[in-house]
Amino acid sequence: MLHLGMKNKYVLFALLAVSVLYSCKKNDKEKPTYSFSLPGDSVRFTAGESIPFVASFFDNEDLSQYKIDIHDNFDGHDHDKYIAQIWNRILIENISGTQAEANLSIPIPDSAAAGWYHLTLTAVDRSGNQSEIAFRNIYIQNGADTLAPLVNVTSPAEGGSTNLGNSVFVSAEITDNADIYLIQTRVRRPNSASNLFLSTDTLSLGQSSYIHNKEIPTGGSAWTTGNYELTLIVNDSYYNRTVKVVNFQLN
């Protein structure tokens, strides 16, 4: 079994570099297929446990390799001060013949950060044909801290309004059983992926209670009258996360 680091995450299977040696199979255009049994979608695991992996692979001529890619589905904030660390892993296994079985146990490190991860599976045959990509969501919690922060947004009020051009004042009471670490504040229009306001604040470790205040000016051409969504995303030092959404209006 070949273990690759994240720098090689998007590198094609090692076999493809030498697939030209199999010129006798150059007319094979049929993709390999698979039957993917475990893990199921949206299954939860605890750091320190193992992920069961069971799959069968099929090809019309000759299989070569399969690849398991486990990577985080987080928001890109990878800061050194987190106690838990984002876990990513790539496994590549050689297989052969027209049918092959895989039955693995993939250990999750004790330090794995809590949150949603993606697990993808692909296979290639000796002619370099690549299968469709199978996809699973898995959730990992860290046994050292399973509690997400508590967030009470006191301003703006749900459904409240203010005049266009004025500032929106955000205030929230945040508590955690251990360490509050990251607070992201953003404003978008409903059903939009574009941020009209975005800020990220990181706290020094050791703060289990915090009052979060933010002033958001609404001047400029990007702001118009209508409805808006304020979202607060709060992570603790193990990546346990709480998301609070408040709707408000500009008149």
Protein backbone atom coordinates (compact mmCIF):
# COMPACT_ATOMS: atom_id res chain seq x y z
CA MET A 1 0.00 0.00 0.00
CA LEU A 2 1.33 3.42 -0.96
CA HIS A 3 0.68 6.37 1.40
CA LEU A 4 0.87 9.83 -0.20
CA GLY A 5 1.02 13.23 1.53
CA MET A 6 -1.29 16.11 0.73
CA LYS A 7 1.20 17.64 -1.72
CA ASN A 8 0.41 14.69 -4.00
CA LYS A 9 -3.32 14.81 -3.39
CA TYR A 10 -4.20 15.65 -6.96
CA VAL A 11 -1.52 13.58 -8.65
CA LEU A 12 -2.97 10.91 -10.92
CA PHE A 13 -2.42 7.29 -9.97
CA ALA A 14 1.23 6.21 -10.13
CA LEU A 15 0.33 3.51 -12.60
CA LEU A 16 -0.74 5.99 -15.25
CA ALA A 17 2.84 7.15 -15.64
CA VAL A 18 3.77 3.71 -16.93
CA SER A 19 0.52 2.68 -18.57
CA VAL A 20 2.08 3.21 -21.99
CA LEU A 21 3.92 -0.08 -21.40
CA TYR A 22 0.62 -1.87 -21.89
CA SER A 23 0.28 -0.96 -25.56
CA CYS A 24 -1.30 -4.30 -26.28
CA LYS A 25 -4.36 -3.03 -24.42
CA LYS A 26 -4.46 0.40 -26.04
CA ASN A 27 -7.86 -0.29 -27.61
CA ASP A 28 -9.49 -0.89 -24.23
CA LYS A 29 -11.74 2.08 -23.54
CA GLU A 30 -14.01 0.51 -20.93
CA LYS A 31 -13.91 2.06 -17.47
CA PRO A 32 -13.62 -0.13 -14.38
CA THR A 33 -16.62 -0.26 -12.06
CA TYR A 34 -17.09 -0.97 -8.36
CA SER A 35 -19.53 -1.88 -5.63
CA PHE A 36 -18.90 0.35 -2.59
CA SER A 37 -20.34 -1.09 0.65
CA LEU A 38 -18.61 0.68 3.58
CA PRO A 39 -18.50 3.27 4.97
CA GLY A 40 -22.04 4.48 4.47
CA ASP A 41 -22.85 8.12 3.84
CA SER A 42 -23.04 10.55 6.79
CA VAL A 43 -21.70 7.97 9.27
CA ARG A 44 -20.08 9.36 12.43
CA PHE A 45 -16.74 8.23 13.86
CA THR A 46 -14.65 9.23 16.87
CA ALA A 47 -10.96 10.10 16.59
CA GLY A 48 -8.93 7.05 17.59
CA GLU A 49 -11.41 4.66 15.95
CA SER A 50 -11.02 3.12 12.48
CA ILE A 51 -13.13 3.56 9.36
CA PRO A 52 -14.22 0.25 7.82
CA PHE A 53 -13.77 0.19 4.04
CA VAL A 54 -15.31 -2.56 1.91
CA ALA A 55 -15.54 -2.46 -1.90
CA SER A 56 -15.44 -4.74 -4.94
CA PHE A 57 -13.86 -3.75 -8.27
CA PHE A 58 -14.59 -5.03 -11.78
CA ASP A 59 -13.00 -4.58 -15.21
CA ASN A 60 -13.41 -6.16 -18.64
CA GLU A 61 -9.66 -6.86 -18.96
CA ASP A 62 -7.32 -6.10 -16.07
CA LEU A 63 -7.57 -3.90 -12.98
CA SER A 64 -4.59 -1.91 -11.74
CA GLN A 65 -5.17 0.29 -8.67
CA TYR A 66 -7.76 1.98 -6.52
CA LYS A 67 -7.39 5.20 -4.56
CA ILE A 68 -9.09 6.32 -1.36
CA ASP A 69 -8.89 10.07 -0.70
CA ILE A 70 -10.02 11.38 2.70
CA HIS A 71 -9.92 15.16 3.08
CA ASP A 72 -11.59 17.82 5.16
CA ASN A 73 -14.73 19.72 4.20
CA PHE A 74 -13.84 22.72 6.37
CA ASP A 75 -13.65 26.41 5.52
CA GLY A 76 -9.92 26.73 4.93
CA HIS A 77 -8.99 28.06 8.38
CA ASP A 78 -6.06 25.87 9.37
CA HIS A 79 -4.42 27.66 12.28
CA ASP A 80 -1.58 26.32 14.42
CA LYS A 81 -3.37 27.16 17.68
CA TYR A 82 -6.05 24.53 17.20
CA ILE A 83 -5.48 21.70 19.65
CA ALA A 84 -6.92 19.19 17.18
CA GLN A 85 -5.55 19.04 13.64
CA ILE A 86 -7.32 18.63 10.30
CA TRP A 87 -6.81 15.06 9.08
CA ASN A 88 -6.23 14.15 5.45
CA ARG A 89 -5.09 10.84 3.98
CA ILE A 90 -4.61 9.21 0.58
CA LEU A 91 -4.30 5.43 0.17
CA ILE A 92 -3.40 3.71 -3.10
CA GLU A 93 -3.62 -0.09 -3.40
CA ASN A 94 -2.53 -2.32 -6.29
CA ILE A 95 -5.11 -4.79 -7.62
CA SER A 96 -5.27 -7.08 -10.68
CA GLY A 97 -7.56 -9.33 -12.67
CA THR A 98 -11.11 -8.67 -13.75
CA GLN A 99 -12.43 -8.68 -10.19
CA ALA A 100 -10.83 -7.66 -6.87
CA GLU A 101 -11.98 -7.18 -3.30
CA ALA A 102 -10.92 -4.57 -0.73
CA ASN A 103 -11.52 -4.87 2.99
CA LEU A 104 -9.58 -2.30 5.01
CA SER A 105 -9.62 -0.64 8.41
CA ILE A 106 -8.42 2.97 8.17
CA PRO A 107 -7.30 4.34 11.56
CA ILE A 108 -8.28 7.88 12.51
CA PRO A 109 -5.56 9.63 14.56
CA ASP A 110 -6.44 10.71 18.11
CA SER A 111 -5.62 14.30 17.14
CA ALA A 112 -8.15 14.49 14.27
CA ALA A 113 -10.22 17.67 14.30
CA ALA A 114 -13.98 17.40 14.64
CA GLY A 115 -16.08 18.06 11.56
CA TRP A 116 -17.27 16.80 8.20
CA TYR A 117 -14.85 15.06 5.86
CA HIS A 118 -15.13 13.79 2.30
CA LEU A 119 -14.13 10.25 1.33
CA THR A 120 -13.76 9.57 -2.39
CA LEU A 121 -12.98 6.35 -4.24
CA THR A 122 -11.66 5.86 -7.78
CA ALA A 123 -10.11 2.94 -9.68
CA VAL A 124 -8.00 2.56 -12.83
CA ASP A 125 -7.32 -0.38 -15.12
CA ARG A 126 -4.10 -1.39 -16.90
CA SER A 127 -5.03 0.71 -19.91
CA GLY A 128 -5.36 3.86 -17.81
CA ASN A 129 -9.15 4.04 -17.89
CA GLN A 130 -10.44 5.67 -14.72
CA SER A 131 -13.73 4.83 -13.04
CA GLU A 132 -16.40 7.23 -11.94
CA ILE A 133 -15.78 8.82 -8.54
CA ALA A 134 -17.65 7.49 -5.53
CA PHE A 135 -18.34 9.99 -2.77
CA ARG A 136 -19.14 9.72 0.94
CA ASN A 137 -19.57 12.27 3.72
CA ILE A 138 -18.24 11.20 7.11
CA TYR A 139 -18.27 13.08 10.41
CA ILE A 140 -15.43 12.79 12.92
CA GLN A 141 -15.75 13.90 16.51
CA ASN A 142 -12.82 14.17 18.92
CA GLY A 143 -13.44 12.35 22.19
CA ALA A 144 -11.44 14.93 24.15
CA ASP A 145 -14.12 17.55 23.43
CA THR A 146 -17.47 16.75 21.83
CA LEU A 147 -19.31 19.95 22.78
CA ALA A 148 -19.77 22.83 20.36
CA PRO A 149 -19.74 26.45 21.55
CA LEU A 150 -22.98 28.09 22.69
CA VAL A 151 -23.82 31.25 20.74
CA ASN A 152 -26.53 33.75 21.69
CA VAL A 153 -26.91 36.58 19.17
CA THR A 154 -28.37 39.60 20.94
CA SER A 155 -28.06 42.05 18.02
CA PRO A 156 -29.41 42.43 15.40
CA ALA A 157 -32.77 40.95 16.31
CA GLU A 158 -34.23 38.29 14.02
CA GLY A 159 -36.35 40.08 11.42
CA GLY A 160 -35.16 43.49 12.59
CA SER A 161 -34.46 46.40 10.27
CA THR A 162 -32.30 49.49 9.94
CA ASN A 163 -31.93 52.21 7.36
CA LEU A 164 -29.63 51.73 4.37
CA GLY A 165 -26.37 53.58 4.97
CA ASN A 166 -26.43 53.05 8.72
CA SER A 167 -24.24 50.52 10.47
CA VAL A 168 -25.51 47.12 11.59
CA PHE A 169 -24.24 46.42 15.10
CA VAL A 170 -23.56 42.76 15.83
CA SER A 171 -23.34 41.48 19.38
CA ALA A 172 -23.19 37.86 20.56
CA GLU A 173 -22.54 36.05 23.82
CA ILE A 174 -20.31 33.02 23.24
CA THR A 175 -19.37 30.32 25.74
CA ASP A 176 -17.59 26.99 25.45
CA ASN A 177 -16.65 24.15 27.81
CA ALA A 178 -12.99 24.68 26.85
CA ASP A 179 -11.54 27.19 24.37
CA ILE A 180 -13.29 29.50 21.92
CA TYR A 181 -10.92 29.96 19.04
CA LEU A 182 -12.33 31.29 15.76
CA ILE A 183 -15.29 33.58 15.05
CA GLN A 184 -16.32 34.32 11.47
CA THR A 185 -18.85 37.07 10.79
CA ARG A 186 -20.39 37.38 7.35
CA VAL A 187 -23.34 39.04 5.63
CA ARG A 188 -24.91 37.81 2.41
CA ARG A 189 -28.15 38.25 0.56
CA PRO A 190 -30.42 35.19 0.91
CA ASN A 191 -29.51 32.38 -1.52
CA SER A 192 -26.27 34.12 -2.52
CA ALA A 193 -22.70 32.86 -2.13
CA SER A 194 -21.20 36.36 -2.37
CA ASN A 195 -20.12 38.03 0.86
CA LEU A 196 -20.98 41.68 1.36
CA PHE A 197 -19.11 41.58 4.66
CA LEU A 198 -16.64 39.01 5.97
CA SER A 199 -14.32 39.08 8.95
CA THR A 200 -12.49 36.39 10.90
CA ASP A 201 -11.36 36.85 14.49
CA THR A 202 -9.10 34.40 16.34
CA LEU A 203 -8.84 34.36 20.12
CA SER A 204 -5.94 33.30 22.26
CA LEU A 205 -6.54 29.91 23.87
CA GLY A 206 -7.97 29.86 27.37
CA GLN A 207 -11.09 31.95 26.78
CA SER A 208 -14.26 30.02 27.53
CA SER A 209 -16.50 33.09 27.58
CA TYR A 210 -16.45 35.99 25.12
CA ILE A 211 -18.63 38.92 24.02
CA HIS A 212 -18.35 39.35 20.27
CA ASN A 213 -19.05 42.83 18.90
CA LYS A 214 -18.80 43.95 15.30
CA GLU A 215 -19.90 47.05 13.40
CA ILE A 216 -20.90 46.52 9.77
CA PRO A 217 -21.28 49.68 7.66
CA THR A 218 -23.90 49.47 4.90
CA GLY A 219 -22.75 52.37 2.74
CA GLY A 220 -21.60 51.97 -0.86
CA SER A 221 -23.15 50.68 -4.07
CA ALA A 222 -22.97 47.00 -3.02
CA TRP A 223 -25.65 47.58 -0.39
CA THR A 224 -29.27 48.12 -1.40
CA THR A 225 -32.60 47.90 0.35
CA GLY A 226 -33.85 44.38 0.96
CA ASN A 227 -33.29 41.27 3.04
CA TYR A 228 -29.91 40.05 4.34
CA GLU A 229 -28.47 37.11 6.28
CA LEU A 230 -25.98 37.59 9.09
CA THR A 231 -24.06 34.37 9.86
CA LEU A 232 -21.80 33.75 12.84
CA ILE A 233 -19.56 30.66 12.62
CA VAL A 234 -17.82 29.83 15.88
CA ASN A 235 -15.16 27.10 16.26
CA ASP A 236 -13.57 25.86 19.43
CA SER A 237 -10.01 24.53 19.58
CA TYR A 238 -11.13 21.03 18.53
CA TYR A 239 -13.05 22.38 15.50
CA ASN A 240 -16.44 21.80 17.10
CA ARG A 241 -18.60 24.35 15.33
CA THR A 242 -21.77 26.34 15.91
CA VAL A 243 -23.46 28.31 13.12
CA LYS A 244 -26.04 30.99 13.89
CA VAL A 245 -28.03 32.81 11.19
CA VAL A 246 -30.02 36.00 11.77
CA ASN A 247 -32.14 37.64 9.07
CA PHE A 248 -32.47 41.41 8.94
CA GLN A 249 -33.63 44.07 6.52
CA LEU A 250 -32.29 47.35 5.16
CA ASN A 251 -34.96 49.98 4.45
